Amino acid sequence: MPNELFGRVIGIIRSVTWGVVAAATLLGGWVARFDLRLPYLVGAVVTLVAALIAARLLLSASRYDEPEEAGAVR
């Protein structure tokens, strides 16, 4: 990533993170009205789905990248 874009990327990541935290808090409070254990179950499912998506993306990206040769100079 170019240095001149690094600050913008971090700013976007922070904005999205804080927005998701606010939305998740509201959703968790609404879900907890039905059962106090339900927000933990929803959080576990979301985390599992995110991990599976990330693993799939990483594995598919590694198929297209050729391994570097030992001693190769860039």
PDB file of N, CA and C in Angstrom:
ATOM      1  N   MET A   1       0.847  -1.161   0.000  1.00  0.00           N
ATOM      2  CA  MET A   1       0.000   0.000   0.000  1.00  0.00           C
ATOM      3  C   MET A   1       0.901   1.236   0.000  1.00  0.00           C
ATOM      4  N   PRO A   2       0.601   2.192  -0.859  1.00  0.00           N
ATOM      5  CA  PRO A   2       1.415   3.403  -0.882  1.00  0.00           C
ATOM      6  C   PRO A   2       1.274   4.199   0.410  1.00  0.00           C
ATOM      7  N   ASN A   3       2.364   4.822   0.838  1.00  0.00           N
ATOM      8  CA  ASN A   3       2.346   5.576   2.093  1.00  0.00           C
ATOM      9  C   ASN A   3       1.332   6.707   2.074  1.00  0.00           C
ATOM     10  N   GLU A   4       1.113   7.338   0.916  1.00  0.00           N
ATOM     11  CA  GLU A   4       0.189   8.463   0.876  1.00  0.00           C
ATOM     12  C   GLU A   4      -1.268   8.046   1.055  1.00  0.00           C
ATOM     13  N   LEU A   5      -1.571   6.758   0.895  1.00  0.00           N
ATOM     14  CA  LEU A   5      -2.937   6.265   1.103  1.00  0.00           C
ATOM     15  C   LEU A   5      -3.135   5.605   2.458  1.00  0.00           C
ATOM     16  N   PHE A   6      -2.060   5.398   3.182  1.00  0.00           N
ATOM     17  CA  PHE A   6      -2.141   4.642   4.435  1.00  0.00           C
ATOM     18  C   PHE A   6      -3.080   5.307   5.439  1.00  0.00           C
ATOM     19  N   GLY A   7      -2.976   6.605   5.610  1.00  0.00           N
ATOM     20  CA  GLY A   7      -3.837   7.312   6.558  1.00  0.00           C
ATOM     21  C   GLY A   7      -5.305   7.234   6.184  1.00  0.00           C
ATOM     22  N   ARG A   8      -5.602   7.302   4.910  1.00  0.00           N
ATOM     23  CA  ARG A   8      -6.992   7.207   4.451  1.00  0.00           C
ATOM     24  C   ARG A   8      -7.560   5.821   4.704  1.00  0.00           C
ATOM     25  N   VAL A   9      -6.758   4.821   4.466  1.00  0.00           N
ATOM     26  CA  VAL A   9      -7.211   3.441   4.691  1.00  0.00           C
ATOM     27  C   VAL A   9      -7.493   3.218   6.172  1.00  0.00           C
ATOM     28  N   ILE A  10      -6.602   3.682   7.036  1.00  0.00           N
ATOM     29  CA  ILE A  10      -6.817   3.534   8.477  1.00  0.00           C
ATOM     30  C   ILE A  10      -8.065   4.294   8.912  1.00  0.00           C
ATOM     31  N   GLY A  11      -8.282   5.485   8.348  1.00  0.00           N
ATOM     32  CA  GLY A  11      -9.476   6.263   8.670  1.00  0.00           C
ATOM     33  C   GLY A  11     -10.752   5.532   8.290  1.00  0.00           C
ATOM     34  N   ILE A  12     -10.759   4.906   7.123  1.00  0.00           N
ATOM     35  CA  ILE A  12     -11.938   4.148   6.692  1.00  0.00           C
ATOM     36  C   ILE A  12     -12.157   2.946   7.595  1.00  0.00           C
ATOM     37  N   ILE A  13     -11.078   2.253   7.939  1.00  0.00           N
ATOM     38  CA  ILE A  13     -11.202   1.084   8.813  1.00  0.00           C
ATOM     39  C   ILE A  13     -11.775   1.488  10.165  1.00  0.00           C
ATOM     40  N   ARG A  14     -11.291   2.580  10.735  1.00  0.00           N
ATOM     41  CA  ARG A  14     -11.811   3.036  12.029  1.00  0.00           C
ATOM     42  C   ARG A  14     -13.263   3.464  11.937  1.00  0.00           C
ATOM     43  N   SER A  15     -13.635   4.149  10.877  1.00  0.00           N
ATOM     44  CA  SER A  15     -15.024   4.582  10.716  1.00  0.00           C
ATOM     45  C   SER A  15     -15.960   3.384  10.622  1.00  0.00           C
ATOM     46  N   VAL A  16     -15.572   2.407   9.826  1.00  0.00           N
ATOM     47  CA  VAL A  16     -16.406   1.211   9.683  1.00  0.00           C
ATOM     48  C   VAL A  16     -16.490   0.461  11.008  1.00  0.00           C
ATOM     49  N   THR A  17     -15.367   0.331  11.705  1.00  0.00           N
ATOM     50  CA  THR A  17     -15.348  -0.387  12.980  1.00  0.00           C
ATOM     51  C   THR A  17     -16.271   0.267  13.999  1.00  0.00           C
ATOM     52  N   TRP A  18     -16.165   1.584  14.161  1.00  0.00           N
ATOM     53  CA  TRP A  18     -17.020   2.269  15.139  1.00  0.00           C
ATOM     54  C   TRP A  18     -18.485   2.221  14.726  1.00  0.00           C
ATOM     55  N   GLY A  19     -18.767   2.246  13.448  1.00  0.00           N
ATOM     56  CA  GLY A  19     -20.146   2.122  12.986  1.00  0.00           C
ATOM     57  C   GLY A  19     -20.720   0.751  13.266  1.00  0.00           C
ATOM     58  N   VAL A  20     -19.908  -0.276  13.062  1.00  0.00           N
ATOM     59  CA  VAL A  20     -20.363  -1.643  13.328  1.00  0.00           C
ATOM     60  C   VAL A  20     -20.573  -1.858  14.823  1.00  0.00           C
ATOM     61  N   VAL A  21     -19.716  -1.278  15.653  1.00  0.00           N
ATOM     62  CA  VAL A  21     -19.868  -1.423  17.102  1.00  0.00           C
ATOM     63  C   VAL A  21     -21.198  -0.824  17.548  1.00  0.00           C
ATOM     64  N   ALA A  22     -21.530   0.347  17.037  1.00  0.00           N
ATOM     65  CA  ALA A  22     -22.797   0.977  17.411  1.00  0.00           C
ATOM     66  C   ALA A  22     -23.991   0.150  16.949  1.00  0.00           C
ATOM     67  N   ALA A  23     -23.951  -0.334  15.725  1.00  0.00           N
ATOM     68  CA  ALA A  23     -25.051  -1.150  15.209  1.00  0.00           C
ATOM     69  C   ALA A  23     -25.154  -2.472  15.958  1.00  0.00           C
ATOM     70  N   ALA A  24     -24.030  -3.088  16.273  1.00  0.00           N
ATOM     71  CA  ALA A  24     -24.047  -4.365  16.996  1.00  0.00           C
ATOM     72  C   ALA A  24     -24.581  -4.192  18.420  1.00  0.00           C
ATOM     73  N   THR A  25     -24.282  -3.061  19.035  1.00  0.00           N
ATOM     74  CA  THR A  25     -24.806  -2.807  20.375  1.00  0.00           C
ATOM     75  C   THR A  25     -26.323  -2.708  20.351  1.00  0.00           C
ATOM     76  N   LEU A  26     -26.845  -1.980  19.393  1.00  0.00           N
ATOM     77  CA  LEU A  26     -28.302  -1.868  19.275  1.00  0.00           C
ATOM     78  C   LEU A  26     -28.939  -3.219  18.955  1.00  0.00           C
ATOM     79  N   LEU A  27     -28.349  -3.950  18.043  1.00  0.00           N
ATOM     80  CA  LEU A  27     -28.879  -5.268  17.681  1.00  0.00           C
ATOM     81  C   LEU A  27     -28.795  -6.234  18.860  1.00  0.00           C
ATOM     82  N   GLY A  28     -27.688  -6.207  19.578  1.00  0.00           N
ATOM     83  CA  GLY A  28     -27.534  -7.082  20.747  1.00  0.00           C
ATOM     84  C   GLY A  28     -28.554  -6.775  21.829  1.00  0.00           C
ATOM     85  N   GLY A  29     -28.843  -5.493  22.054  1.00  0.00           N
ATOM     86  CA  GLY A  29     -29.868  -5.128  23.035  1.00  0.00           C
ATOM     87  C   GLY A  29     -31.240  -5.586  22.613  1.00  0.00           C
ATOM     88  N   TRP A  30     -31.528  -5.459  21.316  1.00  0.00           N
ATOM     89  CA  TRP A  30     -32.833  -5.888  20.830  1.00  0.00           C
ATOM     90  C   TRP A  30     -32.972  -7.405  20.921  1.00  0.00           C
ATOM     91  N   VAL A  31     -31.927  -8.145  20.567  1.00  0.00           N
ATOM     92  CA  VAL A  31     -31.958  -9.607  20.619  1.00  0.00           C
ATOM     93  C   VAL A  31     -32.045 -10.087  22.070  1.00  0.00           C
ATOM     94  N   ALA A  32     -31.394  -9.384  22.987  1.00  0.00           N
ATOM     95  CA  ALA A  32     -31.392  -9.795  24.398  1.00  0.00           C
ATOM     96  C   ALA A  32     -32.768  -9.664  25.035  1.00  0.00           C
ATOM     97  N   ARG A  33     -33.664  -8.938  24.417  1.00  0.00           N
ATOM     98  CA  ARG A  33     -35.024  -8.833  24.957  1.00  0.00           C
ATOM     99  C   ARG A  33     -35.720 -10.191  24.941  1.00  0.00           C
ATOM    100  N   PHE A  34     -35.323 -11.062  24.018  1.00  0.00           N
ATOM    101  CA  PHE A  34     -35.949 -12.373  23.898  1.00  0.00           C
ATOM    102  C   PHE A  34     -35.291 -13.395  24.814  1.00  0.00           C
ATOM    103  N   ASP A  35     -33.981 -13.394  24.880  1.00  0.00           N
ATOM    104  CA  ASP A  35     -33.235 -14.311  25.736  1.00  0.00           C
ATOM    105  C   ASP A  35     -31.839 -13.729  25.931  1.00  0.00           C
ATOM    106  N   LEU A  36     -31.342 -13.748  27.155  1.00  0.00           N
ATOM    107  CA  LEU A  36     -30.057 -13.129  27.446  1.00  0.00           C
ATOM    108  C   LEU A  36     -28.876 -13.902  26.867  1.00  0.00           C
ATOM    109  N   ARG A  37     -29.066 -15.164  26.529  1.00  0.00           N
ATOM    110  CA  ARG A  37     -27.982 -15.948  25.925  1.00  0.00           C
ATOM    111  C   ARG A  37     -27.930 -15.800  24.414  1.00  0.00           C
ATOM    112  N   LEU A  38     -29.000 -15.303  23.838  1.00  0.00           N
ATOM    113  CA  LEU A  38     -29.099 -15.215  22.385  1.00  0.00           C
ATOM    114  C   LEU A  38     -28.054 -14.289  21.745  1.00  0.00           C
ATOM    115  N   PRO A  39     -27.690 -13.147  22.341  1.00  0.00           N
ATOM    116  CA  PRO A  39     -26.637 -12.330  21.721  1.00  0.00           C
ATOM    117  C   PRO A  39     -25.294 -13.064  21.593  1.00  0.00           C
ATOM    118  N   TYR A  40     -24.993 -13.926  22.554  1.00  0.00           N
ATOM    119  CA  TYR A  40     -23.746 -14.707  22.467  1.00  0.00           C
ATOM    120  C   TYR A  40     -23.817 -15.703  21.311  1.00  0.00           C
ATOM    121  N   LEU A  41     -24.973 -16.305  21.126  1.00  0.00           N
ATOM    122  CA  LEU A  41     -25.149 -17.244  20.017  1.00  0.00           C
ATOM    123  C   LEU A  41     -25.047 -16.514  18.676  1.00  0.00           C
ATOM    124  N   VAL A  42     -25.677 -15.361  18.558  1.00  0.00           N
ATOM    125  CA  VAL A  42     -25.607 -14.581  17.325  1.00  0.00           C
ATOM    126  C   VAL A  42     -24.162 -14.150  17.066  1.00  0.00           C
ATOM    127  N   GLY A  43     -23.470 -13.704  18.102  1.00  0.00           N
ATOM    128  CA  GLY A  43     -22.071 -13.306  17.955  1.00  0.00           C
ATOM    129  C   GLY A  43     -21.190 -14.464  17.520  1.00  0.00           C
ATOM    130  N   ALA A  44     -21.442 -15.643  18.060  1.00  0.00           N
ATOM    131  CA  ALA A  44     -20.664 -16.824  17.681  1.00  0.00           C
ATOM    132  C   ALA A  44     -20.904 -17.193  16.220  1.00  0.00           C
ATOM    133  N   VAL A  45     -22.147 -17.116  15.781  1.00  0.00           N
ATOM    134  CA  VAL A  45     -22.473 -17.445  14.389  1.00  0.00           C
ATOM    135  C   VAL A  45     -21.827 -16.428  13.444  1.00  0.00           C
ATOM    136  N   VAL A  46     -21.914 -15.148  13.779  1.00  0.00           N
ATOM    137  CA  VAL A  46     -21.302 -14.113  12.929  1.00  0.00           C
ATOM    138  C   VAL A  46     -19.790 -14.306  12.865  1.00  0.00           C
ATOM    139  N   THR A  47     -19.166 -14.608  13.997  1.00  0.00           N
ATOM    140  CA  THR A  47     -17.722 -14.827  14.027  1.00  0.00           C
ATOM    141  C   THR A  47     -17.331 -16.047  13.199  1.00  0.00           C
ATOM    142  N   LEU A  48     -18.097 -17.116  13.314  1.00  0.00           N
ATOM    143  CA  LEU A  48     -17.817 -18.330  12.535  1.00  0.00           C
ATOM    144  C   LEU A  48     -17.953 -18.073  11.041  1.00  0.00           C
ATOM    145  N   VAL A  49     -19.009 -17.380  10.644  1.00  0.00           N
ATOM    146  CA  VAL A  49     -19.207 -17.076   9.223  1.00  0.00           C
ATOM    147  C   VAL A  49     -18.075 -16.183   8.710  1.00  0.00           C
ATOM    148  N   ALA A  50     -17.688 -15.172   9.489  1.00  0.00           N
ATOM    149  CA  ALA A  50     -16.596 -14.284   9.074  1.00  0.00           C
ATOM    150  C   ALA A  50     -15.285 -15.055   8.947  1.00  0.00           C
ATOM    151  N   ALA A  51     -15.016 -15.985   9.867  1.00  0.00           N
ATOM    152  CA  ALA A  51     -13.789 -16.781   9.798  1.00  0.00           C
ATOM    153  C   ALA A  51     -13.791 -17.693   8.577  1.00  0.00           C
ATOM    154  N   LEU A  52     -14.936 -18.278   8.255  1.00  0.00           N
ATOM    155  CA  LEU A  52     -15.020 -19.143   7.075  1.00  0.00           C
ATOM    156  C   LEU A  52     -14.835 -18.345   5.784  1.00  0.00           C
ATOM    157  N   ILE A  53     -15.427 -17.163   5.721  1.00  0.00           N
ATOM    158  CA  ILE A  53     -15.251 -16.316   4.544  1.00  0.00           C
ATOM    159  C   ILE A  53     -13.796 -15.887   4.402  1.00  0.00           C
ATOM    160  N   ALA A  54     -13.174 -15.482   5.511  1.00  0.00           N
ATOM    161  CA  ALA A  54     -11.772 -15.064   5.472  1.00  0.00           C
ATOM    162  C   ALA A  54     -10.872 -16.223   5.057  1.00  0.00           C
ATOM    163  N   ALA A  55     -11.134 -17.412   5.576  1.00  0.00           N
ATOM    164  CA  ALA A  55     -10.321 -18.573   5.211  1.00  0.00           C
ATOM    165  C   ALA A  55     -10.466 -18.888   3.726  1.00  0.00           C
ATOM    166  N   ARG A  56     -11.684 -18.795   3.225  1.00  0.00           N
ATOM    167  CA  ARG A  56     -11.903 -19.068   1.799  1.00  0.00           C
ATOM    168  C   ARG A  56     -11.172 -18.046   0.930  1.00  0.00           C
ATOM    169  N   LEU A  57     -11.253 -16.771   1.314  1.00  0.00           N
ATOM    170  CA  LEU A  57     -10.566 -15.733   0.547  1.00  0.00           C
ATOM    171  C   LEU A  57      -9.050 -15.921   0.579  1.00  0.00           C
ATOM    172  N   LEU A  58      -8.512 -16.258   1.748  1.00  0.00           N
ATOM    173  CA  LEU A  58      -7.070 -16.470   1.857  1.00  0.00           C
ATOM    174  C   LEU A  58      -6.615 -17.675   1.052  1.00  0.00           C
ATOM    175  N   LEU A  59      -7.389 -18.743   1.094  1.00  0.00           N
ATOM    176  CA  LEU A  59      -7.015 -19.936   0.334  1.00  0.00           C
ATOM    177  C   LEU A  59      -7.116 -19.701  -1.160  1.00  0.00           C
ATOM    178  N   SER A  60      -8.144 -18.986  -1.592  1.00  0.00           N
ATOM    179  CA  SER A  60      -8.265 -18.726  -3.024  1.00  0.00           C
ATOM    180  C   SER A  60      -7.182 -17.763  -3.500  1.00  0.00           C
ATOM    181  N   ALA A  61      -6.778 -16.816  -2.666  1.00  0.00           N
ATOM    182  CA  ALA A  61      -5.709 -15.889  -3.044  1.00  0.00           C
ATOM    183  C   ALA A  61      -4.373 -16.605  -3.100  1.00  0.00           C
ATOM    184  N   SER A  62      -4.165 -17.588  -2.244  1.00  0.00           N
ATOM    185  CA  SER A  62      -2.883 -18.302  -2.246  1.00  0.00           C
ATOM    186  C   SER A  62      -2.734 -19.206  -3.468  1.00  0.00           C
ATOM    187  N   ARG A  63      -3.830 -19.564  -4.111  1.00  0.00           N
ATOM    188  CA  ARG A  63      -3.741 -20.385  -5.319  1.00  0.00           C
ATOM    189  C   ARG A  63      -3.168 -19.596  -6.492  1.00  0.00           C
ATOM    190  N   TYR A  64      -3.416 -18.299  -6.515  1.00  0.00           N
ATOM    191  CA  TYR A  64      -2.972 -17.467  -7.630  1.00  0.00           C
ATOM    192  C   TYR A  64      -1.580 -16.901  -7.437  1.00  0.00           C
ATOM    193  N   ASP A  65      -1.057 -16.985  -6.260  1.00  0.00           N
ATOM    194  CA  ASP A  65       0.269 -16.445  -5.978  1.00  0.00           C
ATOM    195  C   ASP A  65       1.296 -17.553  -6.121  1.00  0.00           C
ATOM    196  N   GLU A  66       2.306 -17.301  -6.929  1.00  0.00           N
ATOM    197  CA  GLU A  66       3.337 -18.292  -7.119  1.00  0.00           C
ATOM    198  C   GLU A  66       4.341 -18.212  -5.980  1.00  0.00           C
ATOM    199  N   PRO A  67       4.823 -19.337  -5.503  1.00  0.00           N
ATOM    200  CA  PRO A  67       5.814 -19.291  -4.427  1.00  0.00           C
ATOM    201  C   PRO A  67       7.113 -18.657  -4.913  1.00  0.00           C
ATOM    202  N   GLU A  68       7.766 -17.959  -4.006  1.00  0.00           N
ATOM    203  CA  GLU A  68       9.031 -17.323  -4.353  1.00  0.00           C
ATOM    204  C   GLU A  68      10.150 -18.360  -4.372  1.00  0.00           C
ATOM    205  N   GLU A  69      11.069 -18.170  -5.290  1.00  0.00           N
ATOM    206  CA  GLU A  69      12.210 -19.078  -5.362  1.00  0.00           C
ATOM    207  C   GLU A  69      13.231 -18.701  -4.305  1.00  0.00           C
ATOM    208  N   ALA A  70      13.894 -19.686  -3.788  1.00  0.00           N
ATOM    209  CA  ALA A  70      14.916 -19.423  -2.774  1.00  0.00           C
ATOM    210  C   ALA A  70      16.067 -18.658  -3.411  1.00  0.00           C
ATOM    211  N   GLY A  71      16.452 -17.571  -2.799  1.00  0.00           N
ATOM    212  CA  GLY A  71      17.566 -16.784  -3.276  1.00  0.00           C
ATOM    213  C   GLY A  71      17.222 -15.835  -4.417  1.00  0.00           C
ATOM    214  N   ALA A  72      15.931 -15.713  -4.742  1.00  0.00           N
ATOM    215  CA  ALA A  72      15.542 -14.816  -5.815  1.00  0.00           C
ATOM    216  C   ALA A  72      15.680 -13.360  -5.362  1.00  0.00           C
ATOM    217  N   VAL A  73      16.168 -12.524  -6.254  1.00  0.00           N
ATOM    218  CA  VAL A  73      16.358 -11.113  -5.953  1.00  0.00           C
ATOM    219  C   VAL A  73      15.243 -10.327  -6.623  1.00  0.00           C
ATOM    220  N   ARG A  74      14.624  -9.422  -5.869  1.00  0.00           N
ATOM    221  CA  ARG A  74      13.544  -8.607  -6.434  1.00  0.00           C
ATOM    222  C   ARG A  74      14.066  -7.371  -7.016  1.00  0.00           C
TER     223      ARG A  74
END
